[in-house]
Amino acid sequence: MIHYIIDGNNLIGKIPRLYELHLKDKQLSRSELVAILNSYFAGKKIKLTLHLDGYKNLPLNLSKGEIVYSNNQTSDEKIRDEIAGSKNSKLITLVSSDRSLINFARVNSSNVIRSEEFYKLLKIVSDKNEESRALKNLEAEKEYFKKVFGTD
């Protein structure tokens, strides 16, 4: 099973809306990231670890895995430990733009997706979902007007 390891703060920094939110409310930006990841990975058979700097605040529910807080370490250290301790690092896909983490992952035969590239993937899925919702709403409105005006 593919195991995604996500450098959460790095990814937040590459998503303009979350970055702006993070400057005002760190917990809310984390919550939004978790919601985005839950939506993106829904229905996919993967394992997921989201690494965040600092200490746990309010509980967040990541449906496909776990959230690891760095506490008094750095997220980079925790990510390196997780990659190094993996039974099969070839199944790991690291999401980060941190050069030292990328190099470490590659030395350990892990796959890498840069955070800005992963954001593009998230955006494509989000745009498709939004378009699909808009089409469903239009179809519902069309059916409503057919009933109201008695046309078929």
N, C-alpha and C. Protein backbone atom coordinates (compact mmCIF):
# COMPACT_ATOMS: atom_id res chain seq x y z
N MET A 1 0.85 -1.18 0.00
CA MET A 1 0.00 0.00 0.00
C MET A 1 0.89 1.24 0.00
N ILE A 2 0.55 2.19 -0.85
CA ILE A 2 1.31 3.43 -0.92
C ILE A 2 1.12 4.22 0.37
N HIS A 3 2.21 4.75 0.87
CA HIS A 3 2.18 5.53 2.10
C HIS A 3 2.64 6.95 1.79
N TYR A 4 1.72 7.89 1.89
CA TYR A 4 2.05 9.30 1.71
C TYR A 4 2.50 9.88 3.04
N ILE A 5 3.64 10.53 3.01
CA ILE A 5 4.12 11.29 4.16
C ILE A 5 4.13 12.75 3.73
N ILE A 6 3.33 13.56 4.42
CA ILE A 6 3.16 14.95 4.01
C ILE A 6 3.76 15.89 5.04
N ASP A 7 4.62 16.76 4.54
CA ASP A 7 5.23 17.83 5.33
C ASP A 7 4.18 18.95 5.39
N GLY A 8 3.34 18.92 6.40
CA GLY A 8 2.16 19.77 6.48
C GLY A 8 2.42 21.27 6.41
N ASN A 9 3.36 21.75 7.19
CA ASN A 9 3.62 23.18 7.18
C ASN A 9 4.20 23.63 5.84
N ASN A 10 5.00 22.76 5.22
CA ASN A 10 5.55 23.07 3.91
C ASN A 10 4.43 23.16 2.88
N LEU A 11 3.48 22.23 2.93
CA LEU A 11 2.36 22.24 2.00
C LEU A 11 1.46 23.45 2.23
N ILE A 12 1.19 23.77 3.48
CA ILE A 12 0.39 24.96 3.80
C ILE A 12 1.03 26.21 3.18
N GLY A 13 2.35 26.28 3.22
CA GLY A 13 3.06 27.42 2.66
C GLY A 13 2.96 27.54 1.15
N LYS A 14 2.56 26.47 0.49
CA LYS A 14 2.45 26.48 -0.98
C LYS A 14 1.01 26.67 -1.46
N ILE A 15 0.07 26.69 -0.54
CA ILE A 15 -1.34 26.90 -0.88
C ILE A 15 -1.71 28.30 -0.42
N PRO A 16 -1.82 29.24 -1.35
CA PRO A 16 -1.98 30.65 -0.97
C PRO A 16 -3.09 30.91 0.06
N ARG A 17 -4.25 30.32 -0.13
CA ARG A 17 -5.37 30.54 0.79
C ARG A 17 -5.01 30.04 2.20
N LEU A 18 -4.38 28.87 2.28
CA LEU A 18 -4.02 28.32 3.60
C LEU A 18 -2.86 29.09 4.23
N TYR A 19 -1.95 29.56 3.39
CA TYR A 19 -0.83 30.33 3.92
C TYR A 19 -1.33 31.63 4.58
N GLU A 20 -2.23 32.31 3.89
CA GLU A 20 -2.81 33.55 4.45
C GLU A 20 -3.56 33.25 5.75
N LEU A 21 -4.30 32.17 5.76
CA LEU A 21 -5.04 31.76 6.95
C LEU A 21 -4.08 31.40 8.08
N HIS A 22 -2.99 30.72 7.73
CA HIS A 22 -1.99 30.29 8.72
C HIS A 22 -1.37 31.48 9.46
N LEU A 23 -1.22 32.58 8.74
CA LEU A 23 -0.65 33.77 9.37
C LEU A 23 -1.58 34.33 10.45
N LYS A 24 -2.89 34.12 10.29
CA LYS A 24 -3.88 34.63 11.23
C LYS A 24 -4.29 33.60 12.27
N ASP A 25 -4.45 32.34 11.83
CA ASP A 25 -4.97 31.29 12.70
C ASP A 25 -4.38 29.94 12.30
N LYS A 26 -3.30 29.57 12.96
CA LYS A 26 -2.57 28.35 12.63
C LYS A 26 -3.47 27.11 12.72
N GLN A 27 -4.29 27.02 13.76
CA GLN A 27 -5.15 25.85 13.94
C GLN A 27 -6.17 25.73 12.82
N LEU A 28 -6.75 26.83 12.41
CA LEU A 28 -7.74 26.81 11.34
C LEU A 28 -7.11 26.39 10.02
N SER A 29 -5.89 26.85 9.74
CA SER A 29 -5.23 26.43 8.50
C SER A 29 -4.94 24.94 8.52
N ARG A 30 -4.58 24.41 9.67
CA ARG A 30 -4.35 22.96 9.80
C ARG A 30 -5.65 22.19 9.57
N SER A 31 -6.73 22.70 10.16
CA SER A 31 -8.03 22.07 10.01
C SER A 31 -8.47 22.06 8.54
N GLU A 32 -8.25 23.17 7.85
CA GLU A 32 -8.59 23.25 6.42
C GLU A 32 -7.75 22.27 5.61
N LEU A 33 -6.47 22.16 5.93
CA LEU A 33 -5.60 21.21 5.23
C LEU A 33 -6.10 19.79 5.41
N VAL A 34 -6.46 19.44 6.62
CA VAL A 34 -6.98 18.09 6.89
C VAL A 34 -8.25 17.84 6.08
N ALA A 35 -9.14 18.82 6.01
CA ALA A 35 -10.37 18.66 5.23
C ALA A 35 -10.05 18.45 3.75
N ILE A 36 -9.09 19.19 3.22
CA ILE A 36 -8.68 19.05 1.83
C ILE A 36 -8.10 17.66 1.58
N LEU A 37 -7.24 17.21 2.48
CA LEU A 37 -6.63 15.88 2.33
C LEU A 37 -7.67 14.77 2.44
N ASN A 38 -8.59 14.92 3.39
CA ASN A 38 -9.66 13.91 3.52
C ASN A 38 -10.47 13.80 2.23
N SER A 39 -10.77 14.92 1.63
CA SER A 39 -11.53 14.94 0.38
C SER A 39 -10.71 14.34 -0.76
N TYR A 40 -9.46 14.74 -0.87
CA TYR A 40 -8.61 14.27 -1.96
C TYR A 40 -8.39 12.76 -1.91
N PHE A 41 -8.14 12.23 -0.72
CA PHE A 41 -7.81 10.81 -0.60
C PHE A 41 -9.03 9.91 -0.37
N ALA A 42 -10.22 10.47 -0.33
CA ALA A 42 -11.44 9.67 -0.13
C ALA A 42 -11.54 8.60 -1.22
N GLY A 43 -11.77 7.38 -0.80
CA GLY A 43 -11.95 6.28 -1.74
C GLY A 43 -10.65 5.69 -2.29
N LYS A 44 -9.52 6.23 -1.88
CA LYS A 44 -8.23 5.71 -2.35
C LYS A 44 -7.64 4.80 -1.29
N LYS A 45 -7.00 3.74 -1.73
CA LYS A 45 -6.38 2.81 -0.80
C LYS A 45 -4.93 3.23 -0.57
N ILE A 46 -4.77 4.07 0.42
CA ILE A 46 -3.45 4.59 0.77
C ILE A 46 -3.34 4.68 2.29
N LYS A 47 -2.13 4.87 2.75
CA LYS A 47 -1.87 5.21 4.14
C LYS A 47 -1.32 6.62 4.11
N LEU A 48 -1.61 7.39 5.14
CA LEU A 48 -1.23 8.80 5.15
C LEU A 48 -0.70 9.21 6.52
N THR A 49 0.42 9.91 6.51
CA THR A 49 0.92 10.54 7.73
C THR A 49 1.13 12.01 7.43
N LEU A 50 0.47 12.85 8.20
CA LEU A 50 0.60 14.30 8.07
C LEU A 50 1.46 14.79 9.23
N HIS A 51 2.60 15.39 8.91
CA HIS A 51 3.51 15.91 9.93
C HIS A 51 3.31 17.41 10.08
N LEU A 52 3.11 17.85 11.32
CA LEU A 52 2.93 19.27 11.61
C LEU A 52 3.92 19.70 12.69
N ASP A 53 4.43 20.91 12.54
CA ASP A 53 5.34 21.46 13.55
C ASP A 53 4.57 21.83 14.81
N GLY A 54 5.24 21.71 15.94
CA GLY A 54 4.65 22.16 17.19
C GLY A 54 3.88 21.10 17.93
N TYR A 55 2.94 21.58 18.74
CA TYR A 55 2.19 20.71 19.63
C TYR A 55 0.73 20.60 19.20
N LYS A 56 0.12 19.50 19.57
CA LYS A 56 -1.29 19.28 19.27
C LYS A 56 -2.13 20.32 19.99
N ASN A 57 -3.10 20.86 19.26
CA ASN A 57 -4.02 21.82 19.85
C ASN A 57 -5.38 21.14 19.92
N LEU A 58 -6.30 21.53 19.10
CA LEU A 58 -7.60 20.87 19.03
C LEU A 58 -7.46 19.61 18.19
N PRO A 59 -8.21 18.56 18.54
CA PRO A 59 -8.09 17.31 17.77
C PRO A 59 -8.58 17.48 16.34
N LEU A 60 -7.83 16.89 15.40
CA LEU A 60 -8.18 16.88 13.99
C LEU A 60 -8.31 15.43 13.56
N ASN A 61 -9.25 15.14 12.65
CA ASN A 61 -9.49 13.77 12.23
C ASN A 61 -9.04 13.57 10.78
N LEU A 62 -7.94 12.89 10.62
CA LEU A 62 -7.42 12.54 9.30
C LEU A 62 -7.90 11.13 8.99
N SER A 63 -8.81 10.99 8.04
CA SER A 63 -9.50 9.72 7.83
C SER A 63 -8.61 8.59 7.32
N LYS A 64 -7.55 8.88 6.61
CA LYS A 64 -6.71 7.83 6.03
C LYS A 64 -5.41 7.59 6.77
N GLY A 65 -5.25 8.18 7.94
CA GLY A 65 -3.98 7.98 8.63
C GLY A 65 -3.90 8.75 9.92
N GLU A 66 -2.71 9.22 10.19
CA GLU A 66 -2.49 9.89 11.46
C GLU A 66 -1.78 11.22 11.27
N ILE A 67 -1.94 12.06 12.28
CA ILE A 67 -1.24 13.34 12.32
C ILE A 67 -0.15 13.22 13.38
N VAL A 68 1.05 13.58 12.99
CA VAL A 68 2.19 13.52 13.90
C VAL A 68 2.65 14.95 14.15
N TYR A 69 2.65 15.34 15.42
CA TYR A 69 3.13 16.66 15.80
C TYR A 69 4.59 16.53 16.23
N SER A 70 5.39 17.52 15.89
CA SER A 70 6.83 17.43 16.16
C SER A 70 7.16 17.66 17.63
N ASN A 71 6.25 18.30 18.38
CA ASN A 71 6.49 18.65 19.78
C ASN A 71 7.78 19.44 19.91
N ASN A 72 8.79 18.89 20.61
CA ASN A 72 10.01 19.66 20.82
C ASN A 72 11.09 19.34 19.78
N GLN A 73 10.74 18.57 18.75
CA GLN A 73 11.64 18.30 17.63
C GLN A 73 11.17 19.11 16.43
N THR A 74 11.81 18.90 15.29
CA THR A 74 11.30 19.50 14.06
C THR A 74 10.54 18.42 13.29
N SER A 75 9.63 18.85 12.46
CA SER A 75 8.91 17.89 11.61
C SER A 75 9.88 17.16 10.70
N ASP A 76 10.91 17.87 10.25
CA ASP A 76 11.90 17.24 9.38
C ASP A 76 12.54 16.02 10.04
N GLU A 77 12.88 16.15 11.32
CA GLU A 77 13.47 15.02 12.06
C GLU A 77 12.49 13.85 12.13
N LYS A 78 11.24 14.16 12.44
CA LYS A 78 10.21 13.11 12.55
C LYS A 78 9.98 12.43 11.20
N ILE A 79 9.98 13.21 10.13
CA ILE A 79 9.79 12.65 8.79
C ILE A 79 10.97 11.74 8.43
N ARG A 80 12.18 12.19 8.70
CA ARG A 80 13.36 11.36 8.43
C ARG A 80 13.28 10.05 9.21
N ASP A 81 12.89 10.14 10.48
CA ASP A 81 12.77 8.93 11.31
C ASP A 81 11.74 7.97 10.72
N GLU A 82 10.62 8.52 10.24
CA GLU A 82 9.58 7.66 9.69
C GLU A 82 10.05 6.98 8.40
N ILE A 83 10.73 7.72 7.55
CA ILE A 83 11.24 7.12 6.30
C ILE A 83 12.29 6.06 6.62
N ALA A 84 13.22 6.40 7.50
CA ALA A 84 14.30 5.47 7.86
C ALA A 84 13.76 4.21 8.53
N GLY A 85 12.69 4.34 9.30
CA GLY A 85 12.13 3.21 10.01
C GLY A 85 11.13 2.39 9.22
N SER A 86 10.90 2.76 7.98
CA SER A 86 9.93 2.06 7.15
C SER A 86 10.46 0.69 6.72
N LYS A 87 9.57 -0.28 6.64
CA LYS A 87 9.95 -1.62 6.18
C LYS A 87 10.23 -1.62 4.68
N ASN A 88 9.50 -0.77 3.94
CA ASN A 88 9.69 -0.69 2.49
C ASN A 88 9.56 0.77 2.05
N SER A 89 10.67 1.48 2.05
CA SER A 89 10.64 2.90 1.73
C SER A 89 10.29 3.18 0.27
N LYS A 90 10.31 2.15 -0.59
CA LYS A 90 9.91 2.33 -1.99
C LYS A 90 8.42 2.61 -2.12
N LEU A 91 7.64 2.27 -1.10
CA LEU A 91 6.20 2.50 -1.12
C LEU A 91 5.84 3.88 -0.56
N ILE A 92 6.83 4.62 -0.11
CA ILE A 92 6.60 5.95 0.46
C ILE A 92 6.64 7.01 -0.63
N THR A 93 5.68 7.92 -0.57
CA THR A 93 5.69 9.12 -1.40
C THR A 93 5.73 10.31 -0.45
N LEU A 94 6.83 11.03 -0.47
CA LEU A 94 6.99 12.22 0.37
C LEU A 94 6.45 13.42 -0.38
N VAL A 95 5.62 14.21 0.31
CA VAL A 95 5.13 15.48 -0.24
C VAL A 95 5.81 16.59 0.55
N SER A 96 6.79 17.23 -0.11
CA SER A 96 7.54 18.32 0.52
C SER A 96 8.36 19.03 -0.55
N SER A 97 8.71 20.27 -0.28
CA SER A 97 9.62 21.00 -1.15
C SER A 97 10.94 21.29 -0.44
N ASP A 98 11.09 20.73 0.75
CA ASP A 98 12.32 20.90 1.53
C ASP A 98 13.43 20.07 0.88
N ARG A 99 14.48 20.73 0.42
CA ARG A 99 15.56 20.05 -0.32
C ARG A 99 16.21 18.92 0.46
N SER A 100 16.49 19.16 1.73
CA SER A 100 17.17 18.12 2.51
C SER A 100 16.27 16.91 2.70
N LEU A 101 14.97 17.13 2.89
CA LEU A 101 14.04 16.00 3.00
C LEU A 101 13.90 15.26 1.68
N ILE A 102 13.84 16.00 0.60
CA ILE A 102 13.74 15.38 -0.73
C ILE A 102 14.97 14.50 -0.98
N ASN A 103 16.14 15.03 -0.70
CA ASN A 103 17.37 14.25 -0.89
C ASN A 103 17.38 13.00 -0.01
N PHE A 104 16.96 13.15 1.24
CA PHE A 104 16.90 12.00 2.15
C PHE A 104 15.94 10.94 1.62
N ALA A 105 14.77 11.37 1.16
CA ALA A 105 13.78 10.43 0.63
C ALA A 105 14.33 9.70 -0.59
N ARG A 106 14.96 10.43 -1.47
CA ARG A 106 15.50 9.81 -2.70
C ARG A 106 16.62 8.82 -2.38
N VAL A 107 17.49 9.16 -1.43
CA VAL A 107 18.55 8.24 -1.02
C VAL A 107 17.96 6.95 -0.48
N ASN A 108 16.78 7.06 0.14
CA ASN A 108 16.10 5.89 0.71
C ASN A 108 15.11 5.26 -0.28
N SER A 109 15.21 5.61 -1.57
CA SER A 109 14.40 5.04 -2.65
C SER A 109 12.91 5.37 -2.55
N SER A 110 12.58 6.45 -1.85
CA SER A 110 11.18 6.89 -1.76
C SER A 110 10.86 7.81 -2.93
N ASN A 111 9.59 7.90 -3.25
CA ASN A 111 9.12 8.81 -4.28
C ASN A 111 8.93 10.19 -3.67
N VAL A 112 8.97 11.21 -4.51
CA VAL A 112 8.82 12.59 -4.03
C VAL A 112 7.86 13.34 -4.94
N ILE A 113 6.95 14.06 -4.33
CA ILE A 113 6.13 15.04 -5.04
C ILE A 113 6.35 16.37 -4.33
N ARG A 114 6.81 17.35 -5.06
CA ARG A 114 7.01 18.67 -4.46
C ARG A 114 5.65 19.24 -4.05
N SER A 115 5.65 20.00 -2.97
CA SER A 115 4.40 20.55 -2.43
C SER A 115 3.63 21.36 -3.46
N GLU A 116 4.34 22.16 -4.26
CA GLU A 116 3.64 22.98 -5.25
C GLU A 116 2.98 22.12 -6.34
N GLU A 117 3.60 20.98 -6.67
CA GLU A 117 2.99 20.05 -7.64
C GLU A 117 1.79 19.34 -7.03
N PHE A 118 1.91 18.98 -5.76
CA PHE A 118 0.79 18.33 -5.08
C PHE A 118 -0.39 19.29 -4.96
N TYR A 119 -0.11 20.56 -4.71
CA TYR A 119 -1.16 21.57 -4.66
C TYR A 119 -1.91 21.63 -5.99
N LYS A 120 -1.18 21.53 -7.10
CA LYS A 120 -1.83 21.53 -8.42
C LYS A 120 -2.78 20.34 -8.54
N LEU A 121 -2.37 19.17 -8.05
CA LEU A 121 -3.24 17.99 -8.07
C LEU A 121 -4.49 18.22 -7.22
N LEU A 122 -4.29 18.79 -6.03
CA LEU A 122 -5.42 19.09 -5.15
C LEU A 122 -6.38 20.07 -5.81
N LYS A 123 -5.83 21.06 -6.48
CA LYS A 123 -6.64 22.08 -7.12
C LYS A 123 -7.46 21.50 -8.27
N ILE A 124 -6.86 20.62 -9.06
CA ILE A 124 -7.57 19.98 -10.17
C ILE A 124 -8.77 19.20 -9.64
N VAL A 125 -8.56 18.41 -8.60
CA VAL A 125 -9.65 17.62 -8.03
C VAL A 125 -10.72 18.53 -7.43
N SER A 126 -10.28 19.58 -6.74
CA SER A 126 -11.22 20.52 -6.13
C SER A 126 -12.06 21.21 -7.20
N ASP A 127 -11.41 21.64 -8.28
CA ASP A 127 -12.13 22.31 -9.37
C ASP A 127 -13.14 21.37 -10.01
N LYS A 128 -12.76 20.10 -10.20
CA LYS A 128 -13.69 19.11 -10.78
C LYS A 128 -14.88 18.89 -9.86
N ASN A 129 -14.62 18.79 -8.56
CA ASN A 129 -15.71 18.60 -7.60
C ASN A 129 -16.65 19.79 -7.59
N GLU A 130 -16.08 21.00 -7.67
CA GLU A 130 -16.90 22.21 -7.68
C GLU A 130 -17.74 22.28 -8.95
N GLU A 131 -17.15 21.92 -10.07
CA GLU A 131 -17.87 21.92 -11.35
C GLU A 131 -19.00 20.89 -11.32
N SER A 132 -18.73 19.74 -10.76
CA SER A 132 -19.74 18.69 -10.65
C SER A 132 -20.90 19.15 -9.76
N ARG A 133 -20.58 19.81 -8.63
CA ARG A 133 -21.63 20.32 -7.75
C ARG A 133 -22.48 21.37 -8.46
N ALA A 134 -21.84 22.24 -9.22
CA ALA A 134 -22.57 23.29 -9.94
C ALA A 134 -23.50 22.66 -10.98
N LEU A 135 -23.03 21.64 -11.68
CA LEU A 135 -23.89 20.97 -12.67
C LEU A 135 -25.08 20.29 -12.00
N LYS A 136 -24.87 19.66 -10.86
CA LYS A 136 -25.96 19.03 -10.13
C LYS A 136 -26.98 20.06 -9.68
N ASN A 137 -26.50 21.21 -9.21
CA ASN A 137 -27.42 22.28 -8.79
C ASN A 137 -28.24 22.80 -9.97
N LEU A 138 -27.59 22.97 -11.10
CA LEU A 138 -28.31 23.43 -12.30
C LEU A 138 -29.36 22.41 -12.73
N GLU A 139 -29.02 21.15 -12.66
CA GLU A 139 -29.96 20.09 -13.03
C GLU A 139 -31.15 20.09 -12.07
N ALA A 140 -30.88 20.27 -10.79
CA ALA A 140 -31.97 20.32 -9.80
C ALA A 140 -32.87 21.53 -10.06
N GLU A 141 -32.27 22.67 -10.38
CA GLU A 141 -33.06 23.86 -10.69
C GLU A 141 -33.91 23.64 -11.93
N LYS A 142 -33.34 22.99 -12.92
CA LYS A 142 -34.07 22.70 -14.16
C LYS A 142 -35.31 21.84 -13.86
N GLU A 143 -35.12 20.81 -13.05
CA GLU A 143 -36.24 19.92 -12.68
C GLU A 143 -37.29 20.69 -11.89
N TYR A 144 -36.87 21.56 -11.02
CA TYR A 144 -37.79 22.37 -10.23
C TYR A 144 -38.66 23.24 -11.14
N PHE A 145 -38.01 23.92 -12.08
CA PHE A 145 -38.75 24.81 -12.98
C PHE A 145 -39.69 24.00 -13.92
N LYS A 146 -39.29 22.80 -14.27
CA LYS A 146 -40.18 21.95 -15.07
C LYS A 146 -41.45 21.64 -14.28
N LYS A 147 -41.30 21.35 -13.00
CA LYS A 147 -42.47 21.04 -12.16
C LYS A 147 -43.33 22.28 -11.97
N VAL A 148 -42.68 23.42 -11.69
CA VAL A 148 -43.42 24.65 -11.44
C VAL A 148 -44.21 25.09 -12.66
N PHE A 149 -43.57 25.00 -13.83
CA PHE A 149 -44.22 25.50 -15.04
C PHE A 149 -44.87 24.40 -15.88
N GLY A 150 -44.80 23.17 -15.36
CA GLY A 150 -45.51 22.07 -16.02
C GLY A 150 -45.00 21.73 -17.41
N THR A 151 -43.72 21.87 -17.64
CA THR A 151 -43.17 21.53 -18.95
C THR A 151 -42.27 20.30 -18.80
N ASP A 152 -42.20 19.54 -19.88
CA ASP A 152 -41.30 18.37 -19.90
C ASP A 152 -40.46 18.34 -21.13
